[in-house]
Amino acid sequence: MDCAGKHTGLDGERMKTVRGRRSWSKIEEDALILCLTNLVIEGWKSDNGFKARFLRELEKGMRKIIPATNIVANPHINSKIHVWKKEYGTLSDLLNKSGIGWNSTTSMIEIEDEGV
C-alpha cells in the first residue's frame, strides 16, 4: 500500500482501499467464482445454501490459486458473497419486469420500451 491508500493487485491493477474496504481485482473475483464452483461440485451446497465451514474452504482454495493473497474468510469472502447476493437480487428483480430482457450475445440488459 502506498501513502495514498492504494494497493497494486496481483494482476498489476491499481486498487483503492476506501474506509477499510477491500477492492477485489478481476483475477481475485474469478478465483473466488472458480472456488465456489468447485465447492458445488464437491457437494458443499445443500438445499438451504452452503454447508458450515464453506468460507474456510473458499479461503483455502483462494490460497491455492493465488498463494500471495491476503484474502481471508471473514470479512473479505463473506462480504464479497453478500455484495454479489444483493446485486443478483437487484438484477433479478429488474429482469422480471415487463419490457426488460437479457441479450446473451452482448451480455447486456436490453430495454424494449423506454417508458419502463
PDB file of N, CA and C in Angstrom:
ATOM      1  N   MET A   1       0.862  -1.170   0.000  1.00  0.00           N
ATOM      2  CA  MET A   1       0.000   0.000   0.000  1.00  0.00           C
ATOM      3  C   MET A   1       0.897   1.218   0.000  1.00  0.00           C
ATOM      4  N   ASP A   2       0.563   2.207  -0.816  1.00  0.00           N
ATOM      5  CA  ASP A   2       1.329   3.440  -0.786  1.00  0.00           C
ATOM      6  C   ASP A   2       0.637   4.450   0.127  1.00  0.00           C
ATOM      7  N   CYS A   3       1.211   5.636   0.242  1.00  0.00           N
ATOM      8  CA  CYS A   3       0.673   6.610   1.194  1.00  0.00           C
ATOM      9  C   CYS A   3      -0.688   7.153   0.784  1.00  0.00           C
ATOM     10  N   ALA A   4      -1.105   6.940  -0.453  1.00  0.00           N
ATOM     11  CA  ALA A   4      -2.420   7.406  -0.899  1.00  0.00           C
ATOM     12  C   ALA A   4      -3.506   6.387  -0.610  1.00  0.00           C
ATOM     13  N   GLY A   5      -3.130   5.262   0.015  1.00  0.00           N
ATOM     14  CA  GLY A   5      -4.128   4.256   0.352  1.00  0.00           C
ATOM     15  C   GLY A   5      -4.490   3.362  -0.821  1.00  0.00           C
ATOM     16  N   LYS A   6      -3.566   3.248  -1.779  1.00  0.00           N
ATOM     17  CA  LYS A   6      -3.837   2.418  -2.951  1.00  0.00           C
ATOM     18  C   LYS A   6      -2.975   1.179  -2.907  1.00  0.00           C
ATOM     19  N   HIS A   7      -3.522   0.070  -3.418  1.00  0.00           N
ATOM     20  CA  HIS A   7      -2.820  -1.197  -3.486  1.00  0.00           C
ATOM     21  C   HIS A   7      -2.608  -1.551  -4.943  1.00  0.00           C
ATOM     22  N   THR A   8      -1.586  -2.328  -5.203  1.00  0.00           N
ATOM     23  CA  THR A   8      -1.415  -2.910  -6.525  1.00  0.00           C
ATOM     24  C   THR A   8      -1.822  -4.359  -6.412  1.00  0.00           C
ATOM     25  N   GLY A   9      -2.803  -4.773  -7.197  1.00  0.00           N
ATOM     26  CA  GLY A   9      -3.292  -6.142  -7.169  1.00  0.00           C
ATOM     27  C   GLY A   9      -2.282  -7.091  -7.781  1.00  0.00           C
ATOM     28  N   LEU A  10      -2.530  -8.377  -7.641  1.00  0.00           N
ATOM     29  CA  LEU A  10      -1.622  -9.385  -8.162  1.00  0.00           C
ATOM     30  C   LEU A  10      -1.527  -9.334  -9.674  1.00  0.00           C
ATOM     31  N   ASP A  11      -2.538  -8.784 -10.323  1.00  0.00           N
ATOM     32  CA  ASP A  11      -2.523  -8.679 -11.773  1.00  0.00           C
ATOM     33  C   ASP A  11      -2.009  -7.311 -12.233  1.00  0.00           C
ATOM     34  N   GLY A  12      -1.456  -6.525 -11.291  1.00  0.00           N
ATOM     35  CA  GLY A  12      -0.897  -5.225 -11.627  1.00  0.00           C
ATOM     36  C   GLY A  12      -1.898  -4.093 -11.611  1.00  0.00           C
ATOM     37  N   GLU A  13      -3.182  -4.391 -11.413  1.00  0.00           N
ATOM     38  CA  GLU A  13      -4.189  -3.338 -11.366  1.00  0.00           C
ATOM     39  C   GLU A  13      -4.023  -2.522 -10.098  1.00  0.00           C
ATOM     40  N   ARG A  14      -4.282  -1.233 -10.210  1.00  0.00           N
ATOM     41  CA  ARG A  14      -4.269  -0.381  -9.021  1.00  0.00           C
ATOM     42  C   ARG A  14      -5.621  -0.513  -8.349  1.00  0.00           C
ATOM     43  N   MET A  15      -5.602  -0.824  -7.066  1.00  0.00           N
ATOM     44  CA  MET A  15      -6.836  -0.980  -6.309  1.00  0.00           C
ATOM     45  C   MET A  15      -6.845   0.074  -5.214  1.00  0.00           C
ATOM     46  N   LYS A  16      -7.981   0.611  -4.921  1.00  0.00           N
ATOM     47  CA  LYS A  16      -8.100   1.648  -3.908  1.00  0.00           C
ATOM     48  C   LYS A  16      -8.856   1.095  -2.710  1.00  0.00           C
ATOM     49  N   THR A  17      -8.309   1.326  -1.543  1.00  0.00           N
ATOM     50  CA  THR A  17      -8.973   0.929  -0.316  1.00  0.00           C
ATOM     51  C   THR A  17      -9.627   2.177   0.271  1.00  0.00           C
ATOM     52  N   VAL A  18     -10.929   2.120   0.456  1.00  0.00           N
ATOM     53  CA  VAL A  18     -11.672   3.250   0.989  1.00  0.00           C
ATOM     54  C   VAL A  18     -12.272   2.850   2.326  1.00  0.00           C
ATOM     55  N   ARG A  19     -11.998   3.626   3.342  1.00  0.00           N
ATOM     56  CA  ARG A  19     -12.549   3.379   4.681  1.00  0.00           C
ATOM     57  C   ARG A  19     -12.443   1.921   5.105  1.00  0.00           C
ATOM     58  N   GLY A  20     -11.304   1.297   4.868  1.00  0.00           N
ATOM     59  CA  GLY A  20     -11.105  -0.068   5.310  1.00  0.00           C
ATOM     60  C   GLY A  20     -11.746  -1.125   4.428  1.00  0.00           C
ATOM     61  N   ARG A  21     -12.363  -0.731   3.342  1.00  0.00           N
ATOM     62  CA  ARG A  21     -12.976  -1.698   2.431  1.00  0.00           C
ATOM     63  C   ARG A  21     -11.939  -2.178   1.446  1.00  0.00           C
ATOM     64  N   ARG A  22     -12.062  -3.424   1.066  1.00  0.00           N
ATOM     65  CA  ARG A  22     -11.117  -4.025   0.143  1.00  0.00           C
ATOM     66  C   ARG A  22     -11.698  -4.029  -1.265  1.00  0.00           C
ATOM     67  N   SER A  23     -10.902  -3.622  -2.228  1.00  0.00           N
ATOM     68  CA  SER A  23     -11.290  -3.712  -3.631  1.00  0.00           C
ATOM     69  C   SER A  23     -10.709  -4.991  -4.200  1.00  0.00           C
ATOM     70  N   TRP A  24     -11.552  -5.764  -4.869  1.00  0.00           N
ATOM     71  CA  TRP A  24     -11.131  -7.035  -5.445  1.00  0.00           C
ATOM     72  C   TRP A  24     -10.685  -6.824  -6.884  1.00  0.00           C
ATOM     73  N   SER A  25      -9.618  -7.487  -7.287  1.00  0.00           N
ATOM     74  CA  SER A  25      -9.198  -7.460  -8.687  1.00  0.00           C
ATOM     75  C   SER A  25     -10.026  -8.486  -9.468  1.00  0.00           C
ATOM     76  N   LYS A  26      -9.986  -8.393 -10.771  1.00  0.00           N
ATOM     77  CA  LYS A  26     -10.703  -9.341 -11.636  1.00  0.00           C
ATOM     78  C   LYS A  26     -10.176 -10.755 -11.409  1.00  0.00           C
ATOM     79  N   ILE A  27      -8.882 -10.908 -11.266  1.00  0.00           N
ATOM     80  CA  ILE A  27      -8.288 -12.228 -11.037  1.00  0.00           C
ATOM     81  C   ILE A  27      -8.795 -12.819  -9.724  1.00  0.00           C
ATOM     82  N   GLU A  28      -8.894 -12.005  -8.680  1.00  0.00           N
ATOM     83  CA  GLU A  28      -9.376 -12.483  -7.389  1.00  0.00           C
ATOM     84  C   GLU A  28     -10.847 -12.898  -7.469  1.00  0.00           C
ATOM     85  N   GLU A  29     -11.669 -12.090  -8.155  1.00  0.00           N
ATOM     86  CA  GLU A  29     -13.081 -12.443  -8.313  1.00  0.00           C
ATOM     87  C   GLU A  29     -13.234 -13.731  -9.117  1.00  0.00           C
ATOM     88  N   ASP A  30     -12.451 -13.879 -10.187  1.00  0.00           N
ATOM     89  CA  ASP A  30     -12.507 -15.102 -10.994  1.00  0.00           C
ATOM     90  C   ASP A  30     -12.088 -16.319 -10.170  1.00  0.00           C
ATOM     91  N   ALA A  31     -11.079 -16.149  -9.318  1.00  0.00           N
ATOM     92  CA  ALA A  31     -10.621 -17.255  -8.461  1.00  0.00           C
ATOM     93  C   ALA A  31     -11.712 -17.646  -7.471  1.00  0.00           C
ATOM     94  N   LEU A  32     -12.398 -16.661  -6.919  1.00  0.00           N
ATOM     95  CA  LEU A  32     -13.481 -16.951  -5.973  1.00  0.00           C
ATOM     96  C   LEU A  32     -14.621 -17.694  -6.672  1.00  0.00           C
ATOM     97  N   ILE A  33     -14.961 -17.285  -7.871  1.00  0.00           N
ATOM     98  CA  ILE A  33     -16.012 -17.972  -8.632  1.00  0.00           C
ATOM     99  C   ILE A  33     -15.600 -19.418  -8.910  1.00  0.00           C
ATOM    100  N   LEU A  34     -14.349 -19.626  -9.285  1.00  0.00           N
ATOM    101  CA  LEU A  34     -13.859 -20.981  -9.522  1.00  0.00           C
ATOM    102  C   LEU A  34     -13.935 -21.818  -8.241  1.00  0.00           C
ATOM    103  N   CYS A  35     -13.553 -21.240  -7.105  1.00  0.00           N
ATOM    104  CA  CYS A  35     -13.613 -21.953  -5.826  1.00  0.00           C
ATOM    105  C   CYS A  35     -15.055 -22.285  -5.444  1.00  0.00           C
ATOM    106  N   LEU A  36     -15.977 -21.355  -5.656  1.00  0.00           N
ATOM    107  CA  LEU A  36     -17.392 -21.622  -5.377  1.00  0.00           C
ATOM    108  C   LEU A  36     -17.914 -22.749  -6.257  1.00  0.00           C
ATOM    109  N   THR A  37     -17.549 -22.726  -7.527  1.00  0.00           N
ATOM    110  CA  THR A  37     -17.957 -23.780  -8.458  1.00  0.00           C
ATOM    111  C   THR A  37     -17.431 -25.135  -7.995  1.00  0.00           C
ATOM    112  N   ASN A  38     -16.177 -25.172  -7.564  1.00  0.00           N
ATOM    113  CA  ASN A  38     -15.580 -26.424  -7.082  1.00  0.00           C
ATOM    114  C   ASN A  38     -16.293 -26.935  -5.838  1.00  0.00           C
ATOM    115  N   LEU A  39     -16.685 -26.031  -4.934  1.00  0.00           N
ATOM    116  CA  LEU A  39     -17.403 -26.458  -3.735  1.00  0.00           C
ATOM    117  C   LEU A  39     -18.753 -27.080  -4.089  1.00  0.00           C
ATOM    118  N   VAL A  40     -19.430 -26.520  -5.076  1.00  0.00           N
ATOM    119  CA  VAL A  40     -20.709 -27.087  -5.515  1.00  0.00           C
ATOM    120  C   VAL A  40     -20.478 -28.490  -6.076  1.00  0.00           C
ATOM    121  N   ILE A  41     -19.450 -28.638  -6.901  1.00  0.00           N
ATOM    122  CA  ILE A  41     -19.136 -29.943  -7.493  1.00  0.00           C
ATOM    123  C   ILE A  41     -18.789 -30.962  -6.411  1.00  0.00           C
ATOM    124  N   GLU A  42     -18.091 -30.507  -5.368  1.00  0.00           N
ATOM    125  CA  GLU A  42     -17.657 -31.402  -4.286  1.00  0.00           C
ATOM    126  C   GLU A  42     -18.760 -31.685  -3.263  1.00  0.00           C
ATOM    127  N   GLY A  43     -19.950 -31.123  -3.457  1.00  0.00           N
ATOM    128  CA  GLY A  43     -21.076 -31.426  -2.585  1.00  0.00           C
ATOM    129  C   GLY A  43     -21.233 -30.541  -1.361  1.00  0.00           C
ATOM    130  N   TRP A  44     -20.603 -29.371  -1.372  1.00  0.00           N
ATOM    131  CA  TRP A  44     -20.714 -28.453  -0.236  1.00  0.00           C
ATOM    132  C   TRP A  44     -22.021 -27.667  -0.258  1.00  0.00           C
ATOM    133  N   LYS A  45     -22.752 -27.703  -1.344  1.00  0.00           N
ATOM    134  CA  LYS A  45     -24.010 -26.943  -1.474  1.00  0.00           C
ATOM    135  C   LYS A  45     -25.180 -27.852  -1.131  1.00  0.00           C
ATOM    136  N   SER A  46     -26.069 -27.357  -0.264  1.00  0.00           N
ATOM    137  CA  SER A  46     -27.283 -28.094   0.074  1.00  0.00           C
ATOM    138  C   SER A  46     -28.487 -27.278  -0.376  1.00  0.00           C
ATOM    139  N   ASP A  47     -29.677 -27.769  -0.094  1.00  0.00           N
ATOM    140  CA  ASP A  47     -30.890 -27.056  -0.500  1.00  0.00           C
ATOM    141  C   ASP A  47     -30.987 -25.667   0.122  1.00  0.00           C
ATOM    142  N   ASN A  48     -30.448 -25.500   1.323  1.00  0.00           N
ATOM    143  CA  ASN A  48     -30.567 -24.232   2.046  1.00  0.00           C
ATOM    144  C   ASN A  48     -29.321 -23.367   1.953  1.00  0.00           C
ATOM    145  N   GLY A  49     -28.429 -23.667   1.062  1.00  0.00           N
ATOM    146  CA  GLY A  49     -27.203 -22.893   0.935  1.00  0.00           C
ATOM    147  C   GLY A  49     -25.991 -23.779   1.154  1.00  0.00           C
ATOM    148  N   PHE A  50     -24.874 -23.156   1.421  1.00  0.00           N
ATOM    149  CA  PHE A  50     -23.643 -23.909   1.622  1.00  0.00           C
ATOM    150  C   PHE A  50     -23.562 -24.443   3.045  1.00  0.00           C
ATOM    151  N   LYS A  51     -22.836 -25.536   3.189  1.00  0.00           N
ATOM    152  CA  LYS A  51     -22.657 -26.161   4.497  1.00  0.00           C
ATOM    153  C   LYS A  51     -21.734 -25.308   5.364  1.00  0.00           C
ATOM    154  N   ALA A  52     -21.771 -25.570   6.668  1.00  0.00           N
ATOM    155  CA  ALA A  52     -20.917 -24.856   7.615  1.00  0.00           C
ATOM    156  C   ALA A  52     -19.450 -25.011   7.195  1.00  0.00           C
ATOM    157  N   ARG A  53     -18.657 -24.036   7.493  1.00  0.00           N
ATOM    158  CA  ARG A  53     -17.218 -24.001   7.215  1.00  0.00           C
ATOM    159  C   ARG A  53     -16.878 -23.794   5.741  1.00  0.00           C
ATOM    160  N   PHE A  54     -17.872 -23.468   4.907  1.00  0.00           N
ATOM    161  CA  PHE A  54     -17.569 -23.293   3.488  1.00  0.00           C
ATOM    162  C   PHE A  54     -16.673 -22.086   3.241  1.00  0.00           C
ATOM    163  N   LEU A  55     -16.781 -21.052   4.098  1.00  0.00           N
ATOM    164  CA  LEU A  55     -15.928 -19.879   3.918  1.00  0.00           C
ATOM    165  C   LEU A  55     -14.456 -20.242   4.099  1.00  0.00           C
ATOM    166  N   ARG A  56     -14.163 -21.097   5.071  1.00  0.00           N
ATOM    167  CA  ARG A  56     -12.778 -21.557   5.288  1.00  0.00           C
ATOM    168  C   ARG A  56     -12.279 -22.349   4.074  1.00  0.00           C
ATOM    169  N   GLU A  57     -13.153 -23.158   3.492  1.00  0.00           N
ATOM    170  CA  GLU A  57     -12.773 -23.917   2.297  1.00  0.00           C
ATOM    171  C   GLU A  57     -12.498 -22.971   1.128  1.00  0.00           C
ATOM    172  N   LEU A  58     -13.291 -21.914   1.020  1.00  0.00           N
ATOM    173  CA  LEU A  58     -13.053 -20.928  -0.036  1.00  0.00           C
ATOM    174  C   LEU A  58     -11.713 -20.232   0.182  1.00  0.00           C
ATOM    175  N   GLU A  59     -11.416 -19.900   1.434  1.00  0.00           N
ATOM    176  CA  GLU A  59     -10.140 -19.258   1.745  1.00  0.00           C
ATOM    177  C   GLU A  59      -8.972 -20.168   1.346  1.00  0.00           C
ATOM    178  N   LYS A  60      -9.069 -21.452   1.677  1.00  0.00           N
ATOM    179  CA  LYS A  60      -8.022 -22.413   1.301  1.00  0.00           C
ATOM    180  C   LYS A  60      -7.876 -22.494  -0.214  1.00  0.00           C
ATOM    181  N   GLY A  61      -9.005 -22.552  -0.917  1.00  0.00           N
ATOM    182  CA  GLY A  61      -8.982 -22.608  -2.372  1.00  0.00           C
ATOM    183  C   GLY A  61      -8.355 -21.377  -2.991  1.00  0.00           C
ATOM    184  N   MET A  62      -8.667 -20.209  -2.425  1.00  0.00           N
ATOM    185  CA  MET A  62      -8.089 -18.961  -2.919  1.00  0.00           C
ATOM    186  C   MET A  62      -6.572 -18.972  -2.742  1.00  0.00           C
ATOM    187  N   ARG A  63      -6.103 -19.505  -1.623  1.00  0.00           N
ATOM    188  CA  ARG A  63      -4.659 -19.567  -1.366  1.00  0.00           C
ATOM    189  C   ARG A  63      -3.946 -20.530  -2.325  1.00  0.00           C
ATOM    190  N   LYS A  64      -4.645 -21.564  -2.775  1.00  0.00           N
ATOM    191  CA  LYS A  64      -4.050 -22.485  -3.753  1.00  0.00           C
ATOM    192  C   LYS A  64      -3.894 -21.792  -5.109  1.00  0.00           C
ATOM    193  N   ILE A  65      -4.894 -21.004  -5.484  1.00  0.00           N
ATOM    194  CA  ILE A  65      -4.876 -20.332  -6.786  1.00  0.00           C
ATOM    195  C   ILE A  65      -3.962 -19.111  -6.759  1.00  0.00           C
ATOM    196  N   ILE A  66      -4.058 -18.324  -5.671  1.00  0.00           N
ATOM    197  CA  ILE A  66      -3.275 -17.096  -5.526  1.00  0.00           C
ATOM    198  C   ILE A  66      -2.522 -17.177  -4.193  1.00  0.00           C
ATOM    199  N   PRO A  67      -1.358 -17.830  -4.162  1.00  0.00           N
ATOM    200  CA  PRO A  67      -0.652 -18.045  -2.893  1.00  0.00           C
ATOM    201  C   PRO A  67      -0.332 -16.770  -2.111  1.00  0.00           C
ATOM    202  N   ALA A  68      -0.095 -15.672  -2.791  1.00  0.00           N
ATOM    203  CA  ALA A  68       0.287 -14.431  -2.103  1.00  0.00           C
ATOM    204  C   ALA A  68      -0.912 -13.605  -1.643  1.00  0.00           C
ATOM    205  N   THR A  69      -2.114 -14.133  -1.757  1.00  0.00           N
ATOM    206  CA  THR A  69      -3.295 -13.345  -1.417  1.00  0.00           C
ATOM    207  C   THR A  69      -3.401 -13.091   0.085  1.00  0.00           C
ATOM    208  N   ASN A  70      -3.987 -11.954   0.414  1.00  0.00           N
ATOM    209  CA  ASN A  70      -4.252 -11.637   1.826  1.00  0.00           C
ATOM    210  C   ASN A  70      -5.752 -11.740   2.123  1.00  0.00           C
ATOM    211  N   ILE A  71      -6.496 -12.375   1.224  1.00  0.00           N
ATOM    212  CA  ILE A  71      -7.939 -12.527   1.389  1.00  0.00           C
ATOM    213  C   ILE A  71      -8.212 -13.598   2.444  1.00  0.00           C
ATOM    214  N   VAL A  72      -9.088 -13.261   3.392  1.00  0.00           N
ATOM    215  CA  VAL A  72      -9.474 -14.208   4.435  1.00  0.00           C
ATOM    216  C   VAL A  72     -10.989 -14.419   4.397  1.00  0.00           C
ATOM    217  N   ALA A  73     -11.423 -15.504   5.038  1.00  0.00           N
ATOM    218  CA  ALA A  73     -12.838 -15.873   5.016  1.00  0.00           C
ATOM    219  C   ALA A  73     -13.719 -14.750   5.546  1.00  0.00           C
ATOM    220  N   ASN A  74     -13.352 -14.237   6.689  1.00  0.00           N
ATOM    221  CA  ASN A  74     -14.133 -13.175   7.300  1.00  0.00           C
ATOM    222  C   ASN A  74     -13.217 -12.018   7.620  1.00  0.00           C
ATOM    223  N   PRO A  75     -13.398 -10.885   7.053  1.00  0.00           N
ATOM    224  CA  PRO A  75     -14.595 -10.344   6.422  1.00  0.00           C
ATOM    225  C   PRO A  75     -14.604 -10.409   4.903  1.00  0.00           C
ATOM    226  N   HIS A  76     -13.452 -10.647   4.242  1.00  0.00           N
ATOM    227  CA  HIS A  76     -13.348 -10.454   2.796  1.00  0.00           C
ATOM    228  C   HIS A  76     -14.309 -11.306   1.977  1.00  0.00           C
ATOM    229  N   ILE A  77     -14.196 -12.633   2.085  1.00  0.00           N
ATOM    230  CA  ILE A  77     -15.017 -13.522   1.255  1.00  0.00           C
ATOM    231  C   ILE A  77     -16.482 -13.410   1.634  1.00  0.00           C
ATOM    232  N   ASN A  78     -16.762 -13.375   2.921  1.00  0.00           N
ATOM    233  CA  ASN A  78     -18.141 -13.242   3.394  1.00  0.00           C
ATOM    234  C   ASN A  78     -18.780 -11.963   2.846  1.00  0.00           C
ATOM    235  N   SER A  79     -18.056 -10.870   2.898  1.00  0.00           N
ATOM    236  CA  SER A  79     -18.564  -9.589   2.409  1.00  0.00           C
ATOM    237  C   SER A  79     -18.784  -9.622   0.896  1.00  0.00           C
ATOM    238  N   LYS A  80     -17.853 -10.217   0.152  1.00  0.00           N
ATOM    239  CA  LYS A  80     -17.975 -10.271  -1.306  1.00  0.00           C
ATOM    240  C   LYS A  80     -19.207 -11.072  -1.711  1.00  0.00           C
ATOM    241  N   ILE A  81     -19.446 -12.200  -1.052  1.00  0.00           N
ATOM    242  CA  ILE A  81     -20.621 -13.013  -1.357  1.00  0.00           C
ATOM    243  C   ILE A  81     -21.893 -12.248  -1.019  1.00  0.00           C
ATOM    244  N   HIS A  82     -21.889 -11.508   0.083  1.00  0.00           N
ATOM    245  CA  HIS A  82     -23.045 -10.686   0.463  1.00  0.00           C
ATOM    246  C   HIS A  82     -23.339  -9.648  -0.622  1.00  0.00           C
ATOM    247  N   VAL A  83     -22.315  -8.994  -1.128  1.00  0.00           N
ATOM    248  CA  VAL A  83     -22.482  -7.986  -2.187  1.00  0.00           C
ATOM    249  C   VAL A  83     -23.024  -8.637  -3.449  1.00  0.00           C
ATOM    250  N   TRP A  84     -22.473  -9.799  -3.818  1.00  0.00           N
ATOM    251  CA  TRP A  84     -22.949 -10.490  -5.020  1.00  0.00           C
ATOM    252  C   TRP A  84     -24.412 -10.881  -4.889  1.00  0.00           C
ATOM    253  N   LYS A  85     -24.825 -11.348  -3.714  1.00  0.00           N
ATOM    254  CA  LYS A  85     -26.233 -11.724  -3.497  1.00  0.00           C
ATOM    255  C   LYS A  85     -27.138 -10.507  -3.658  1.00  0.00           C
ATOM    256  N   LYS A  86     -26.714  -9.383  -3.111  1.00  0.00           N
ATOM    257  CA  LYS A  86     -27.504  -8.151  -3.206  1.00  0.00           C
ATOM    258  C   LYS A  86     -27.617  -7.711  -4.670  1.00  0.00           C
ATOM    259  N   GLU A  87     -26.512  -7.730  -5.398  1.00  0.00           N
ATOM    260  CA  GLU A  87     -26.521  -7.338  -6.805  1.00  0.00           C
ATOM    261  C   GLU A  87     -27.366  -8.306  -7.642  1.00  0.00           C
ATOM    262  N   TYR A  88     -27.280  -9.594  -7.337  1.00  0.00           N
ATOM    263  CA  TYR A  88     -28.086 -10.590  -8.054  1.00  0.00           C
ATOM    264  C   TYR A  88     -29.571 -10.322  -7.834  1.00  0.00           C
ATOM    265  N   GLY A  89     -29.947 -10.032  -6.600  1.00  0.00           N
ATOM    266  CA  GLY A  89     -31.352  -9.741  -6.299  1.00  0.00           C
ATOM    267  C   GLY A  89     -31.859  -8.538  -7.066  1.00  0.00           C
ATOM    268  N   THR A  90     -31.047  -7.502  -7.145  1.00  0.00           N
ATOM    269  CA  THR A  90     -31.422  -6.293  -7.882  1.00  0.00           C
ATOM    270  C   THR A  90     -31.598  -6.601  -9.364  1.00  0.00           C
ATOM    271  N   LEU A  91     -30.643  -7.316  -9.949  1.00  0.00           N
ATOM    272  CA  LEU A  91     -30.743  -7.665 -11.372  1.00  0.00           C
ATOM    273  C   LEU A  91     -31.915  -8.592 -11.644  1.00  0.00           C
ATOM    274  N   SER A  92     -32.139  -9.537 -10.749  1.00  0.00           N
ATOM    275  CA  SER A  92     -33.249 -10.478 -10.909  1.00  0.00           C
ATOM    276  C   SER A  92     -34.586  -9.740 -10.904  1.00  0.00           C
ATOM    277  N   ASP A  93     -34.744  -8.808  -9.962  1.00  0.00           N
ATOM    278  CA  ASP A  93     -35.968  -8.004  -9.905  1.00  0.00           C
ATOM    279  C   ASP A  93     -36.147  -7.192 -11.182  1.00  0.00           C
ATOM    280  N   LEU A  94     -35.072  -6.609 -11.663  1.00  0.00           N
ATOM    281  CA  LEU A  94     -35.122  -5.791 -12.868  1.00  0.00           C
ATOM    282  C   LEU A  94     -35.509  -6.635 -14.086  1.00  0.00           C
ATOM    283  N   LEU A  95     -34.905  -7.816 -14.224  1.00  0.00           N
ATOM    284  CA  LEU A  95     -35.176  -8.659 -15.385  1.00  0.00           C
ATOM    285  C   LEU A  95     -36.567  -9.281 -15.361  1.00  0.00           C
ATOM    286  N   ASN A  96     -37.218  -9.291 -14.196  1.00  0.00           N
ATOM    287  CA  ASN A  96     -38.588  -9.810 -14.096  1.00  0.00           C
ATOM    288  C   ASN A  96     -39.636  -8.784 -14.514  1.00  0.00           C
ATOM    289  N   LYS A  97     -39.208  -7.567 -14.765  1.00  0.00           N
ATOM    290  CA  LYS A  97     -40.143  -6.522 -15.202  1.00  0.00           C
ATOM    291  C   LYS A  97     -40.412  -6.661 -16.697  1.00  0.00           C
ATOM    292  N   SER A  98     -41.632  -6.335 -17.085  1.00  0.00           N
ATOM    293  CA  SER A  98     -42.025  -6.396 -18.478  1.00  0.00           C
ATOM    294  C   SER A  98     -41.253  -5.357 -19.288  1.00  0.00           C
ATOM    295  N   GLY A  99     -40.786  -5.755 -20.463  1.00  0.00           N
ATOM    296  CA  GLY A  99     -40.082  -4.829 -21.346  1.00  0.00           C
ATOM    297  C   GLY A  99     -38.582  -4.789 -21.114  1.00  0.00           C
ATOM    298  N   ILE A 100     -38.093  -5.587 -20.181  1.00  0.00           N
ATOM    299  CA  ILE A 100     -36.659  -5.633 -19.899  1.00  0.00           C
ATOM    300  C   ILE A 100     -36.190  -7.069 -20.077  1.00  0.00           C
ATOM    301  N   GLY A 101     -35.084  -7.247 -20.793  1.00  0.00           N
ATOM    302  CA  GLY A 101     -34.574  -8.589 -21.035  1.00  0.00           C
ATOM    303  C   GLY A 101     -33.064  -8.623 -21.056  1.00  0.00           C
ATOM    304  N   TRP A 102     -32.527  -9.822 -21.205  1.00  0.00           N
ATOM    305  CA  TRP A 102     -31.091 -10.037 -21.241  1.00  0.00           C
ATOM    306  C   TRP A 102     -30.676 -10.468 -22.636  1.00  0.00           C
ATOM    307  N   ASN A 103     -29.688  -9.806 -23.218  1.00  0.00           N
ATOM    308  CA  ASN A 103     -29.147 -10.175 -24.513  1.00  0.00           C
ATOM    309  C   ASN A 103     -27.897 -11.011 -24.258  1.00  0.00           C
ATOM    310  N   SER A 104     -27.989 -12.320 -24.506  1.00  0.00           N
ATOM    311  CA  SER A 104     -26.862 -13.213 -24.217  1.00  0.00           C
ATOM    312  C   SER A 104     -25.711 -13.043 -25.208  1.00  0.00           C
ATOM    313  N   THR A 105     -25.973 -12.453 -26.367  1.00  0.00           N
ATOM    314  CA  THR A 105     -24.911 -12.203 -27.337  1.00  0.00           C
ATOM    315  C   THR A 105     -23.998 -11.080 -26.862  1.00  0.00           C
ATOM    316  N   THR A 106     -24.596 -10.006 -26.402  1.00  0.00           N
ATOM    317  CA  THR A 106     -23.812  -8.845 -25.953  1.00  0.00           C
ATOM    318  C   THR A 106     -23.577  -8.839 -24.448  1.00  0.00           C
ATOM    319  N   SER A 107     -24.232  -9.764 -23.729  1.00  0.00           N
ATOM    320  CA  SER A 107     -24.159  -9.823 -22.254  1.00  0.00           C
ATOM    321  C   SER A 107     -24.558  -8.485 -21.635  1.00  0.00           C
ATOM    322  N   MET A 108     -25.679  -7.957 -22.132  1.00  0.00           N
ATOM    323  CA  MET A 108     -26.178  -6.677 -21.641  1.00  0.00           C
ATOM    324  C   MET A 108     -27.684  -6.744 -21.427  1.00  0.00           C
ATOM    325  N   ILE A 109     -28.159  -5.892 -20.552  1.00  0.00           N
ATOM    326  CA  ILE A 109     -29.596  -5.737 -20.332  1.00  0.00           C
ATOM    327  C   ILE A 109     -30.148  -4.887 -21.473  1.00  0.00           C
ATOM    328  N   GLU A 110     -31.309  -5.303 -22.007  1.00  0.00           N
ATOM    329  CA  GLU A 110     -31.963  -4.548 -23.062  1.00  0.00           C
ATOM    330  C   GLU A 110     -33.324  -4.091 -22.588  1.00  0.00           C
ATOM    331  N   ILE A 111     -33.658  -2.871 -22.946  1.00  0.00           N
ATOM    332  CA  ILE A 111     -34.959  -2.302 -22.614  1.00  0.00           C
ATOM    333  C   ILE A 111     -35.726  -2.154 -23.915  1.00  0.00           C
ATOM    334  N   GLU A 112     -36.855  -2.863 -24.011  1.00  0.00           N
ATOM    335  CA  GLU A 112     -37.651  -2.841 -25.237  1.00  0.00           C
ATOM    336  C   GLU A 112     -38.464  -1.555 -25.336  1.00  0.00           C
ATOM    337  N   ASP A 113     -38.976  -1.080 -24.216  1.00  0.00           N
ATOM    338  CA  ASP A 113     -39.804   0.129 -24.190  1.00  0.00           C
ATOM    339  C   ASP A 113     -39.150   1.114 -23.240  1.00  0.00           C
ATOM    340  N   GLU A 114     -38.717   2.257 -23.747  1.00  0.00           N
ATOM    341  CA  GLU A 114     -38.025   3.230 -22.915  1.00  0.00           C
ATOM    342  C   GLU A 114     -38.929   3.871 -21.877  1.00  0.00           C
ATOM    343  N   GLY A 115     -40.221   3.575 -21.943  1.00  0.00           N
ATOM    344  CA  GLY A 115     -41.162   4.085 -20.944  1.00  0.00           C
ATOM    345  C   GLY A 115     -41.202   3.238 -19.682  1.00  0.00           C
ATOM    346  N   VAL A 116     -40.414   2.173 -19.639  1.00  0.00           N
ATOM    347  CA  VAL A 116     -40.385   1.258 -18.499  1.00  0.00           C
ATOM    348  C   VAL A 116     -39.705   1.909 -17.329  1.00  0.00           C
TER     349      VAL A 116
END
